[in-house]
Amino acid sequence: MAVDWIGFSYAAAIAFGGFMGYKRKGSVMSMMAGLVFGGLSFYGAFNVSNDPKDIKVSLFASGILSLVMGLRYKKSGKLLPAGLMAGLSLFMVFRLLLLIMG
């Protein structure tokens, strides 16, 4: 049983990003989204650590974030935070799909 360090790091990055959005801009929605999606990603990484084929929660969280943040990046053109989170989330989607195929 291998620990999904990449998944846990991704979850921490999401939660940290939500906290920074709140700290820098006072955005309560950023903090709430960071906590919700960070928590979902953390739970998903825990599931993947226990069973590498159990990707449902992680795939849901990273898929939604890649879509939402990708649209925000397209609208704003700003690399931080939207472009970075869209890229990380898309990486996680591909990684999870490779896990299920392998």
N, C-alpha and C. Protein backbone atom coordinates (compact mmCIF):
# COMPACT_ATOMS: atom_id res chain seq x y z
N MET A 1 0.85 -1.18 0.00
CA MET A 1 0.00 0.00 0.00
C MET A 1 0.90 1.25 0.00
N ALA A 2 0.93 1.94 -1.11
CA ALA A 2 1.76 3.13 -1.26
C ALA A 2 0.94 4.39 -0.95
N VAL A 3 1.58 5.32 -0.30
CA VAL A 3 0.92 6.59 0.04
C VAL A 3 0.92 7.47 -1.21
N ASP A 4 -0.22 8.09 -1.48
CA ASP A 4 -0.37 8.98 -2.64
C ASP A 4 0.14 10.37 -2.28
N TRP A 5 1.47 10.52 -2.26
CA TRP A 5 2.07 11.79 -1.87
C TRP A 5 1.71 12.91 -2.85
N ILE A 6 1.61 12.57 -4.11
CA ILE A 6 1.24 13.59 -5.11
C ILE A 6 -0.17 14.09 -4.84
N GLY A 7 -1.08 13.18 -4.54
CA GLY A 7 -2.46 13.56 -4.24
C GLY A 7 -2.58 14.41 -2.98
N PHE A 8 -1.83 14.03 -1.94
CA PHE A 8 -1.86 14.81 -0.70
C PHE A 8 -1.23 16.19 -0.91
N SER A 9 -0.18 16.27 -1.71
CA SER A 9 0.45 17.57 -2.01
C SER A 9 -0.50 18.46 -2.81
N TYR A 10 -1.22 17.86 -3.74
CA TYR A 10 -2.21 18.60 -4.53
C TYR A 10 -3.31 19.15 -3.61
N ALA A 11 -3.78 18.32 -2.68
CA ALA A 11 -4.81 18.76 -1.73
C ALA A 11 -4.31 19.92 -0.87
N ALA A 12 -3.06 19.83 -0.43
CA ALA A 12 -2.48 20.92 0.37
C ALA A 12 -2.36 22.19 -0.45
N ALA A 13 -2.00 22.07 -1.72
CA ALA A 13 -1.87 23.25 -2.60
C ALA A 13 -3.22 23.93 -2.78
N ILE A 14 -4.29 23.15 -2.91
CA ILE A 14 -5.62 23.72 -3.06
C ILE A 14 -6.03 24.46 -1.80
N ALA A 15 -5.86 23.82 -0.64
CA ALA A 15 -6.22 24.45 0.62
C ALA A 15 -5.39 25.71 0.87
N PHE A 16 -4.10 25.65 0.56
CA PHE A 16 -3.22 26.81 0.73
C PHE A 16 -3.64 27.95 -0.20
N GLY A 17 -4.00 27.60 -1.42
CA GLY A 17 -4.45 28.62 -2.37
C GLY A 17 -5.73 29.31 -1.92
N GLY A 18 -6.64 28.55 -1.35
CA GLY A 18 -7.86 29.15 -0.81
C GLY A 18 -7.56 30.09 0.35
N PHE A 19 -6.64 29.66 1.22
CA PHE A 19 -6.23 30.51 2.34
C PHE A 19 -5.58 31.79 1.85
N MET A 20 -4.71 31.68 0.84
CA MET A 20 -4.03 32.88 0.32
C MET A 20 -5.01 33.81 -0.37
N GLY A 21 -6.01 33.26 -1.05
CA GLY A 21 -7.05 34.11 -1.65
C GLY A 21 -7.80 34.91 -0.60
N TYR A 22 -8.03 34.28 0.54
CA TYR A 22 -8.70 34.98 1.63
C TYR A 22 -7.77 36.02 2.26
N LYS A 23 -6.53 35.64 2.48
CA LYS A 23 -5.59 36.54 3.14
C LYS A 23 -5.27 37.76 2.29
N ARG A 24 -5.08 37.56 0.98
CA ARG A 24 -4.65 38.67 0.12
C ARG A 24 -5.81 39.53 -0.35
N LYS A 25 -6.95 38.91 -0.66
CA LYS A 25 -8.08 39.66 -1.24
C LYS A 25 -9.31 39.70 -0.34
N GLY A 26 -9.28 38.98 0.77
CA GLY A 26 -10.44 38.94 1.65
C GLY A 26 -11.58 38.12 1.08
N SER A 27 -11.28 37.21 0.16
CA SER A 27 -12.31 36.43 -0.51
C SER A 27 -12.71 35.20 0.32
N VAL A 28 -13.88 35.28 0.92
CA VAL A 28 -14.39 34.16 1.71
C VAL A 28 -14.70 32.98 0.79
N MET A 29 -15.15 33.27 -0.43
CA MET A 29 -15.45 32.18 -1.38
C MET A 29 -14.19 31.40 -1.73
N SER A 30 -13.07 32.08 -1.89
CA SER A 30 -11.81 31.38 -2.16
C SER A 30 -11.45 30.46 -1.01
N MET A 31 -11.62 30.96 0.20
CA MET A 31 -11.29 30.14 1.36
C MET A 31 -12.22 28.93 1.45
N MET A 32 -13.51 29.14 1.23
CA MET A 32 -14.47 28.03 1.31
C MET A 32 -14.21 27.01 0.20
N ALA A 33 -13.97 27.48 -1.01
CA ALA A 33 -13.69 26.56 -2.11
C ALA A 33 -12.38 25.80 -1.86
N GLY A 34 -11.38 26.49 -1.34
CA GLY A 34 -10.11 25.84 -1.02
C GLY A 34 -10.28 24.76 0.04
N LEU A 35 -11.09 25.05 1.05
CA LEU A 35 -11.31 24.06 2.10
C LEU A 35 -12.14 22.88 1.59
N VAL A 36 -13.18 23.16 0.83
CA VAL A 36 -14.04 22.08 0.32
C VAL A 36 -13.28 21.20 -0.66
N PHE A 37 -12.68 21.80 -1.68
CA PHE A 37 -11.98 21.01 -2.68
C PHE A 37 -10.67 20.44 -2.15
N GLY A 38 -10.02 21.14 -1.24
CA GLY A 38 -8.84 20.58 -0.59
C GLY A 38 -9.20 19.36 0.25
N GLY A 39 -10.33 19.46 0.97
CA GLY A 39 -10.80 18.33 1.76
C GLY A 39 -11.19 17.15 0.89
N LEU A 40 -11.91 17.43 -0.20
CA LEU A 40 -12.28 16.36 -1.13
C LEU A 40 -11.03 15.70 -1.72
N SER A 41 -10.06 16.50 -2.09
CA SER A 41 -8.83 15.97 -2.67
C SER A 41 -8.03 15.18 -1.64
N PHE A 42 -8.03 15.65 -0.40
CA PHE A 42 -7.35 14.92 0.66
C PHE A 42 -8.01 13.55 0.87
N TYR A 43 -9.34 13.54 0.93
CA TYR A 43 -10.07 12.28 1.08
C TYR A 43 -9.83 11.37 -0.12
N GLY A 44 -9.81 11.94 -1.31
CA GLY A 44 -9.53 11.17 -2.51
C GLY A 44 -8.12 10.58 -2.49
N ALA A 45 -7.14 11.35 -2.02
CA ALA A 45 -5.77 10.84 -1.93
C ALA A 45 -5.69 9.72 -0.89
N PHE A 46 -6.45 9.85 0.18
CA PHE A 46 -6.52 8.78 1.18
C PHE A 46 -7.09 7.51 0.56
N ASN A 47 -8.15 7.66 -0.23
CA ASN A 47 -8.75 6.50 -0.90
C ASN A 47 -7.78 5.86 -1.88
N VAL A 48 -7.08 6.68 -2.66
CA VAL A 48 -6.11 6.16 -3.63
C VAL A 48 -4.96 5.47 -2.91
N SER A 49 -4.57 5.98 -1.74
CA SER A 49 -3.51 5.33 -0.97
C SER A 49 -3.92 3.93 -0.53
N ASN A 50 -5.19 3.77 -0.21
CA ASN A 50 -5.68 2.46 0.23
C ASN A 50 -6.00 1.52 -0.93
N ASP A 51 -6.47 2.07 -2.03
CA ASP A 51 -6.80 1.28 -3.21
C ASP A 51 -6.52 2.13 -4.45
N PRO A 52 -5.44 1.84 -5.18
CA PRO A 52 -5.07 2.67 -6.34
C PRO A 52 -6.13 2.76 -7.43
N LYS A 53 -7.11 1.91 -7.41
CA LYS A 53 -8.18 1.96 -8.42
C LYS A 53 -9.37 2.82 -7.97
N ASP A 54 -9.37 3.27 -6.72
CA ASP A 54 -10.47 4.07 -6.18
C ASP A 54 -10.20 5.55 -6.41
N ILE A 55 -10.47 6.01 -7.65
CA ILE A 55 -10.11 7.38 -8.03
C ILE A 55 -11.32 8.31 -8.13
N LYS A 56 -12.51 7.82 -7.81
CA LYS A 56 -13.73 8.59 -8.06
C LYS A 56 -13.71 9.98 -7.43
N VAL A 57 -13.42 10.06 -6.14
CA VAL A 57 -13.46 11.34 -5.44
C VAL A 57 -12.37 12.28 -5.96
N SER A 58 -11.17 11.75 -6.12
CA SER A 58 -10.06 12.58 -6.63
C SER A 58 -10.34 13.07 -8.04
N LEU A 59 -10.87 12.19 -8.87
CA LEU A 59 -11.16 12.56 -10.26
C LEU A 59 -12.26 13.62 -10.31
N PHE A 60 -13.27 13.48 -9.47
CA PHE A 60 -14.34 14.48 -9.41
C PHE A 60 -13.79 15.85 -9.03
N ALA A 61 -13.02 15.90 -7.94
CA ALA A 61 -12.50 17.19 -7.44
C ALA A 61 -11.55 17.83 -8.46
N SER A 62 -10.62 17.06 -8.98
CA SER A 62 -9.65 17.64 -9.92
C SER A 62 -10.31 17.97 -11.26
N GLY A 63 -11.30 17.20 -11.67
CA GLY A 63 -12.01 17.50 -12.92
C GLY A 63 -12.79 18.80 -12.84
N ILE A 64 -13.53 18.97 -11.75
CA ILE A 64 -14.30 20.21 -11.56
C ILE A 64 -13.35 21.41 -11.48
N LEU A 65 -12.27 21.27 -10.71
CA LEU A 65 -11.33 22.39 -10.59
C LEU A 65 -10.63 22.72 -11.90
N SER A 66 -10.29 21.71 -12.68
CA SER A 66 -9.63 21.99 -13.96
C SER A 66 -10.58 22.74 -14.89
N LEU A 67 -11.85 22.39 -14.86
CA LEU A 67 -12.84 23.08 -15.69
C LEU A 67 -13.06 24.52 -15.22
N VAL A 68 -13.33 24.69 -13.94
CA VAL A 68 -13.62 26.02 -13.40
C VAL A 68 -12.42 26.95 -13.52
N MET A 69 -11.25 26.47 -13.10
CA MET A 69 -10.07 27.32 -13.14
C MET A 69 -9.58 27.53 -14.58
N GLY A 70 -9.81 26.56 -15.45
CA GLY A 70 -9.48 26.75 -16.86
C GLY A 70 -10.32 27.85 -17.48
N LEU A 71 -11.61 27.88 -17.15
CA LEU A 71 -12.47 28.95 -17.65
C LEU A 71 -12.07 30.31 -17.09
N ARG A 72 -11.69 30.33 -15.80
CA ARG A 72 -11.22 31.59 -15.20
C ARG A 72 -9.93 32.07 -15.85
N TYR A 73 -9.04 31.13 -16.15
CA TYR A 73 -7.78 31.51 -16.81
C TYR A 73 -8.05 32.05 -18.21
N LYS A 74 -8.97 31.40 -18.93
CA LYS A 74 -9.30 31.87 -20.28
C LYS A 74 -9.91 33.27 -20.23
N LYS A 75 -10.73 33.54 -19.22
CA LYS A 75 -11.38 34.84 -19.10
C LYS A 75 -10.39 35.93 -18.66
N SER A 76 -9.55 35.62 -17.68
CA SER A 76 -8.67 36.66 -17.12
C SER A 76 -7.30 36.71 -17.79
N GLY A 77 -6.80 35.58 -18.28
CA GLY A 77 -5.47 35.53 -18.85
C GLY A 77 -4.36 35.57 -17.82
N LYS A 78 -4.72 35.51 -16.53
CA LYS A 78 -3.72 35.57 -15.46
C LYS A 78 -3.26 34.16 -15.10
N LEU A 79 -1.93 34.02 -15.08
CA LEU A 79 -1.36 32.72 -14.76
C LEU A 79 -1.60 32.34 -13.30
N LEU A 80 -1.52 33.32 -12.42
CA LEU A 80 -1.75 33.06 -11.00
C LEU A 80 -3.05 33.69 -10.56
N PRO A 81 -3.90 33.02 -9.89
CA PRO A 81 -3.84 31.61 -9.50
C PRO A 81 -4.54 30.67 -10.50
N ALA A 82 -5.35 31.25 -11.39
CA ALA A 82 -6.22 30.43 -12.23
C ALA A 82 -5.44 29.49 -13.15
N GLY A 83 -4.43 29.99 -13.83
CA GLY A 83 -3.68 29.16 -14.77
C GLY A 83 -2.92 28.05 -14.07
N LEU A 84 -2.32 28.36 -12.93
CA LEU A 84 -1.57 27.38 -12.17
C LEU A 84 -2.49 26.27 -11.67
N MET A 85 -3.62 26.64 -11.10
CA MET A 85 -4.55 25.63 -10.56
C MET A 85 -5.18 24.81 -11.68
N ALA A 86 -5.45 25.45 -12.82
CA ALA A 86 -5.99 24.70 -13.96
C ALA A 86 -4.97 23.68 -14.44
N GLY A 87 -3.71 24.07 -14.52
CA GLY A 87 -2.66 23.16 -14.95
C GLY A 87 -2.44 22.02 -13.98
N LEU A 88 -2.38 22.33 -12.68
CA LEU A 88 -2.21 21.28 -11.68
C LEU A 88 -3.40 20.32 -11.69
N SER A 89 -4.59 20.86 -11.82
CA SER A 89 -5.79 20.02 -11.82
C SER A 89 -5.84 19.13 -13.06
N LEU A 90 -5.47 19.68 -14.20
CA LEU A 90 -5.44 18.87 -15.42
C LEU A 90 -4.38 17.77 -15.32
N PHE A 91 -3.24 18.10 -14.73
CA PHE A 91 -2.22 17.08 -14.48
C PHE A 91 -2.78 15.96 -13.61
N MET A 92 -3.53 16.31 -12.58
CA MET A 92 -4.10 15.30 -11.69
C MET A 92 -5.12 14.43 -12.43
N VAL A 93 -5.92 15.03 -13.29
CA VAL A 93 -6.89 14.25 -14.06
C VAL A 93 -6.17 13.21 -14.90
N PHE A 94 -5.15 13.63 -15.63
CA PHE A 94 -4.39 12.69 -16.47
C PHE A 94 -3.70 11.63 -15.63
N ARG A 95 -3.13 12.03 -14.50
CA ARG A 95 -2.46 11.08 -13.62
C ARG A 95 -3.43 10.03 -13.10
N LEU A 96 -4.61 10.47 -12.69
CA LEU A 96 -5.60 9.52 -12.18
C LEU A 96 -6.10 8.58 -13.26
N LEU A 97 -6.27 9.09 -14.45
CA LEU A 97 -6.70 8.22 -15.55
C LEU A 97 -5.62 7.19 -15.89
N LEU A 98 -4.35 7.59 -15.78
CA LEU A 98 -3.26 6.63 -16.00
C LEU A 98 -3.22 5.58 -14.89
N LEU A 99 -3.55 5.99 -13.66
CA LEU A 99 -3.59 5.03 -12.56
C LEU A 99 -4.65 3.95 -12.80
N ILE A 100 -5.80 4.36 -13.28
CA ILE A 100 -6.89 3.40 -13.48
C ILE A 100 -6.60 2.48 -14.66
N MET A 101 -5.83 2.97 -15.65
CA MET A 101 -5.53 2.14 -16.82
C MET A 101 -4.39 1.16 -16.53
N GLY A 102 -3.51 1.52 -15.60
CA GLY A 102 -2.33 0.69 -15.36
C GLY A 102 -2.48 -0.35 -14.36
